[in-house]
């Protein structure tokens, strides 16, 4: 059964992984986001407990 022969598929998988990790990934990581992230000021919020009408 030819599909059980790992020889050609392993080579294809290895070349795809190397292409992705060595060529495509550095190119995509070099892009800068268009909207820089700004830290929001921290605000303390107070919560009120719920008052149940039957207690």
PDB file of N, CA and C in Angstrom:
ATOM      1  N   UNK A   1       0.855  -1.176   0.000  1.00  0.00           N
ATOM      2  CA  UNK A   1       0.000   0.000   0.000  1.00  0.00           C
ATOM      3  C   UNK A   1       0.898   1.236   0.000  1.00  0.00           C
ATOM      4  N   UNK A   2       0.816   2.050  -0.994  1.00  0.00           N
ATOM      5  CA  UNK A   2       1.754   3.174  -1.118  1.00  0.00           C
ATOM      6  C   UNK A   2       1.545   4.277  -0.083  1.00  0.00           C
ATOM      7  N   UNK A   3       0.337   4.418   0.446  1.00  0.00           N
ATOM      8  CA  UNK A   3       0.123   5.495   1.406  1.00  0.00           C
ATOM      9  C   UNK A   3       0.819   5.235   2.741  1.00  0.00           C
ATOM     10  N   UNK A   4       1.272   4.015   2.968  1.00  0.00           N
ATOM     11  CA  UNK A   4       1.982   3.719   4.200  1.00  0.00           C
ATOM     12  C   UNK A   4       3.479   3.971   4.089  1.00  0.00           C
ATOM     13  N   UNK A   5       3.932   4.293   2.935  1.00  0.00           N
ATOM     14  CA  UNK A   5       5.344   4.588   2.738  1.00  0.00           C
ATOM     15  C   UNK A   5       5.613   6.028   3.198  1.00  0.00           C
ATOM     16  N   UNK A   6       6.358   6.246   4.274  1.00  0.00           N
ATOM     17  CA  UNK A   6       6.545   7.605   4.788  1.00  0.00           C
ATOM     18  C   UNK A   6       7.619   8.396   4.040  1.00  0.00           C
ATOM     19  N   UNK A   7       8.309   7.769   3.154  1.00  0.00           N
ATOM     20  CA  UNK A   7       9.437   8.435   2.521  1.00  0.00           C
ATOM     21  C   UNK A   7       9.060   9.743   1.802  1.00  0.00           C
ATOM     22  N   UNK A   8       8.151   9.770   0.857  1.00  0.00           N
ATOM     23  CA  UNK A   8       7.909  11.068   0.196  1.00  0.00           C
ATOM     24  C   UNK A   8       7.145  12.045   1.082  1.00  0.00           C
ATOM     25  N   UNK A   9       6.268  11.560   1.961  1.00  0.00           N
ATOM     26  CA  UNK A   9       5.448  12.461   2.756  1.00  0.00           C
ATOM     27  C   UNK A   9       6.253  13.109   3.866  1.00  0.00           C
ATOM     28  N   UNK A  10       7.199  12.395   4.404  1.00  0.00           N
ATOM     29  CA  UNK A  10       8.043  12.994   5.431  1.00  0.00           C
ATOM     30  C   UNK A  10       8.885  14.123   4.843  1.00  0.00           C
ATOM     31  N   UNK A  11       9.399  13.935   3.663  1.00  0.00           N
ATOM     32  CA  UNK A  11      10.187  14.978   3.007  1.00  0.00           C
ATOM     33  C   UNK A  11       9.319  16.205   2.713  1.00  0.00           C
ATOM     34  N   UNK A  12       8.107  15.991   2.264  1.00  0.00           N
ATOM     35  CA  UNK A  12       7.200  17.111   1.976  1.00  0.00           C
ATOM     36  C   UNK A  12       6.869  17.858   3.270  1.00  0.00           C
ATOM     37  N   UNK A  13       6.587  17.119   4.328  1.00  0.00           N
ATOM     38  CA  UNK A  13       6.280  17.757   5.606  1.00  0.00           C
ATOM     39  C   UNK A  13       7.484  18.533   6.137  1.00  0.00           C
ATOM     40  N   UNK A  14       8.653  17.958   6.029  1.00  0.00           N
ATOM     41  CA  UNK A  14       9.860  18.616   6.511  1.00  0.00           C
ATOM     42  C   UNK A  14      10.151  19.893   5.727  1.00  0.00           C
ATOM     43  N   UNK A  15      10.019  19.843   4.436  1.00  0.00           N
ATOM     44  CA  UNK A  15      10.279  21.035   3.613  1.00  0.00           C
ATOM     45  C   UNK A  15       9.226  22.123   3.857  1.00  0.00           C
ATOM     46  N   UNK A  16       8.001  21.728   4.062  1.00  0.00           N
ATOM     47  CA  UNK A  16       6.957  22.708   4.362  1.00  0.00           C
ATOM     48  C   UNK A  16       7.217  23.371   5.705  1.00  0.00           C
ATOM     49  N   UNK A  17       7.587  22.583   6.701  1.00  0.00           N
ATOM     50  CA  UNK A  17       7.859  23.138   8.014  1.00  0.00           C
ATOM     51  C   UNK A  17       9.059  24.081   7.974  1.00  0.00           C
ATOM     52  N   UNK A  18      10.104  23.696   7.270  1.00  0.00           N
ATOM     53  CA  UNK A  18      11.277  24.574   7.170  1.00  0.00           C
ATOM     54  C   UNK A  18      10.962  25.857   6.418  1.00  0.00           C
ATOM     55  N   UNK A  19      10.175  25.754   5.371  1.00  0.00           N
ATOM     56  CA  UNK A  19       9.782  26.950   4.624  1.00  0.00           C
ATOM     57  C   UNK A  19       8.984  27.898   5.501  1.00  0.00           C
ATOM     58  N   UNK A  20       8.070  27.341   6.235  1.00  0.00           N
ATOM     59  CA  UNK A  20       7.248  28.177   7.105  1.00  0.00           C
ATOM     60  C   UNK A  20       8.077  28.830   8.198  1.00  0.00           C
ATOM     61  N   UNK A  21       8.934  28.060   8.838  1.00  0.00           N
ATOM     62  CA  UNK A  21       9.655  28.604   9.976  1.00  0.00           C
ATOM     63  C   UNK A  21      10.828  29.508   9.595  1.00  0.00           C
ATOM     64  N   UNK A  22      11.431  29.282   8.462  1.00  0.00           N
ATOM     65  CA  UNK A  22      12.617  30.067   8.115  1.00  0.00           C
ATOM     66  C   UNK A  22      12.347  31.224   7.161  1.00  0.00           C
ATOM     67  N   UNK A  23      11.300  31.143   6.390  1.00  0.00           N
ATOM     68  CA  UNK A  23      11.049  32.183   5.389  1.00  0.00           C
ATOM     69  C   UNK A  23       9.797  32.986   5.715  1.00  0.00           C
ATOM     70  N   UNK A  24       8.695  32.321   5.927  1.00  0.00           N
ATOM     71  CA  UNK A  24       7.429  33.034   6.064  1.00  0.00           C
ATOM     72  C   UNK A  24       7.278  33.656   7.448  1.00  0.00           C
ATOM     73  N   UNK A  25       7.650  32.953   8.479  1.00  0.00           N
ATOM     74  CA  UNK A  25       7.466  33.476   9.827  1.00  0.00           C
ATOM     75  C   UNK A  25       8.256  34.766  10.092  1.00  0.00           C
ATOM     76  N   UNK A  26       9.532  34.868   9.750  1.00  0.00           N
ATOM     77  CA  UNK A  26      10.232  36.151   9.990  1.00  0.00           C
ATOM     78  C   UNK A  26       9.625  37.316   9.198  1.00  0.00           C
ATOM     79  N   UNK A  27       9.102  37.032   8.023  1.00  0.00           N
ATOM     80  CA  UNK A  27       8.488  38.112   7.249  1.00  0.00           C
ATOM     81  C   UNK A  27       7.209  38.604   7.907  1.00  0.00           C
ATOM     82  N   UNK A  28       6.402  37.693   8.424  1.00  0.00           N
ATOM     83  CA  UNK A  28       5.170  38.131   9.055  1.00  0.00           C
ATOM     84  C   UNK A  28       5.421  38.770  10.413  1.00  0.00           C
ATOM     85  N   UNK A  29       6.470  38.353  11.115  1.00  0.00           N
ATOM     86  CA  UNK A  29       6.764  38.954  12.407  1.00  0.00           C
ATOM     87  C   UNK A  29       7.400  40.331  12.284  1.00  0.00           C
ATOM     88  N   UNK A  30       7.872  40.689  11.127  1.00  0.00           N
ATOM     89  CA  UNK A  30       8.511  41.988  10.967  1.00  0.00           C
ATOM     90  C   UNK A  30       7.511  43.126  10.786  1.00  0.00           C
ATOM     91  N   UNK A  31       6.255  42.805  10.541  1.00  0.00           N
ATOM     92  CA  UNK A  31       5.246  43.850  10.372  1.00  0.00           C
ATOM     93  C   UNK A  31       4.934  44.498  11.708  1.00  0.00           C
ATOM     94  N   UNK A  32       4.703  45.781  11.657  1.00  0.00           N
ATOM     95  CA  UNK A  32       4.311  46.514  12.843  1.00  0.00           C
ATOM     96  C   UNK A  32       2.796  46.676  12.833  1.00  0.00           C
ATOM     97  N   UNK A  33       2.161  46.616  13.970  1.00  0.00           N
ATOM     98  CA  UNK A  33       0.710  46.831  13.972  1.00  0.00           C
ATOM     99  C   UNK A  33       0.383  48.280  13.648  1.00  0.00           C
ATOM    100  N   UNK A  34      -0.717  48.492  12.985  1.00  0.00           N
ATOM    101  CA  UNK A  34      -1.079  49.858  12.589  1.00  0.00           C
ATOM    102  C   UNK A  34      -1.584  50.672  13.766  1.00  0.00           C
ATOM    103  N   UNK A  35      -2.213  50.033  14.725  1.00  0.00           N
ATOM    104  CA  UNK A  35      -2.702  50.719  15.917  1.00  0.00           C
ATOM    105  C   UNK A  35      -1.904  50.240  17.117  1.00  0.00           C
ATOM    106  N   UNK A  36      -1.012  51.055  17.614  1.00  0.00           N
ATOM    107  CA  UNK A  36      -0.218  50.608  18.760  1.00  0.00           C
ATOM    108  C   UNK A  36      -1.101  50.449  20.001  1.00  0.00           C
ATOM    109  N   UNK A  37      -0.732  49.524  20.819  1.00  0.00           N
ATOM    110  CA  UNK A  37      -1.505  49.238  22.013  1.00  0.00           C
ATOM    111  C   UNK A  37      -1.131  50.241  23.093  1.00  0.00           C
ATOM    112  N   UNK A  38      -2.155  50.845  23.686  1.00  0.00           N
ATOM    113  CA  UNK A  38      -1.936  51.777  24.788  1.00  0.00           C
ATOM    114  C   UNK A  38      -2.530  51.163  26.045  1.00  0.00           C
ATOM    115  N   UNK A  39      -1.833  51.354  27.122  1.00  0.00           N
ATOM    116  CA  UNK A  39      -2.349  50.825  28.379  1.00  0.00           C
ATOM    117  C   UNK A  39      -3.453  51.741  28.895  1.00  0.00           C
ATOM    118  N   UNK A  40      -4.527  51.111  29.323  1.00  0.00           N
ATOM    119  CA  UNK A  40      -5.630  51.879  29.889  1.00  0.00           C
ATOM    120  C   UNK A  40      -5.307  52.223  31.334  1.00  0.00           C
ATOM    121  N   UNK A  41      -5.767  53.373  31.787  1.00  0.00           N
ATOM    122  CA  UNK A  41      -5.540  53.677  33.203  1.00  0.00           C
ATOM    123  C   UNK A  41      -6.392  52.745  34.070  1.00  0.00           C
ATOM    124  N   UNK A  42      -5.820  52.312  35.144  1.00  0.00           N
ATOM    125  CA  UNK A  42      -6.548  51.402  36.020  1.00  0.00           C
ATOM    126  C   UNK A  42      -7.494  52.200  36.899  1.00  0.00           C
ATOM    127  N   UNK A  43      -8.718  51.744  36.951  1.00  0.00           N
ATOM    128  CA  UNK A  43      -9.714  52.391  37.798  1.00  0.00           C
ATOM    129  C   UNK A  43     -10.277  51.357  38.750  1.00  0.00           C
ATOM    130  N   UNK A  44     -10.494  51.776  39.960  1.00  0.00           N
ATOM    131  CA  UNK A  44     -11.081  50.882  40.954  1.00  0.00           C
ATOM    132  C   UNK A  44     -12.595  50.959  40.850  1.00  0.00           C
ATOM    133  N   UNK A  45     -13.210  49.838  40.661  1.00  0.00           N
ATOM    134  CA  UNK A  45     -14.666  49.802  40.577  1.00  0.00           C
ATOM    135  C   UNK A  45     -15.200  49.160  41.843  1.00  0.00           C
ATOM    136  N   UNK A  46     -16.272  49.704  42.333  1.00  0.00           N
ATOM    137  CA  UNK A  46     -16.902  49.127  43.518  1.00  0.00           C
ATOM    138  C   UNK A  46     -18.184  48.436  43.078  1.00  0.00           C
ATOM    139  N   UNK A  47     -18.426  47.309  43.660  1.00  0.00           N
ATOM    140  CA  UNK A  47     -19.629  46.555  43.338  1.00  0.00           C
ATOM    141  C   UNK A  47     -20.543  46.550  44.540  1.00  0.00           C
ATOM    142  N   UNK A  48     -21.819  46.636  44.280  1.00  0.00           N
ATOM    143  CA  UNK A  48     -22.811  46.593  45.348  1.00  0.00           C
ATOM    144  C   UNK A  48     -23.458  45.219  45.368  1.00  0.00           C
ATOM    145  N   UNK A  49     -23.659  44.661  46.530  1.00  0.00           N
ATOM    146  CA  UNK A  49     -24.297  43.344  46.573  1.00  0.00           C
ATOM    147  C   UNK A  49     -25.759  43.442  46.160  1.00  0.00           C
ATOM    148  N   UNK A  50     -26.220  42.378  45.603  1.00  0.00           N
ATOM    149  CA  UNK A  50     -27.602  42.331  45.150  1.00  0.00           C
ATOM    150  C   UNK A  50     -28.506  42.158  46.365  1.00  0.00           C
ATOM    151  N   UNK A  51     -29.566  42.972  46.407  1.00  0.00           N
ATOM    152  CA  UNK A  51     -30.530  42.832  47.504  1.00  0.00           C
ATOM    153  C   UNK A  51     -31.689  41.980  47.027  1.00  0.00           C
ATOM    154  N   UNK A  52     -31.882  40.850  47.686  1.00  0.00           N
ATOM    155  CA  UNK A  52     -32.948  39.938  47.284  1.00  0.00           C
ATOM    156  C   UNK A  52     -34.237  40.353  47.996  1.00  0.00           C
ATOM    157  N   UNK A  53     -35.342  40.379  47.261  1.00  0.00           N
ATOM    158  CA  UNK A  53     -36.588  40.879  47.890  1.00  0.00           C
ATOM    159  C   UNK A  53     -37.159  39.917  48.931  1.00  0.00           C
ATOM    160  N   UNK A  54     -36.812  38.649  48.939  1.00  0.00           N
ATOM    161  CA  UNK A  54     -37.427  37.707  49.875  1.00  0.00           C
ATOM    162  C   UNK A  54     -36.598  37.481  51.136  1.00  0.00           C
ATOM    163  N   UNK A  55     -35.484  38.207  51.290  1.00  0.00           N
ATOM    164  CA  UNK A  55     -34.716  38.021  52.517  1.00  0.00           C
ATOM    165  C   UNK A  55     -34.934  39.145  53.486  1.00  0.00           C
TER     166      UNK A  55
END
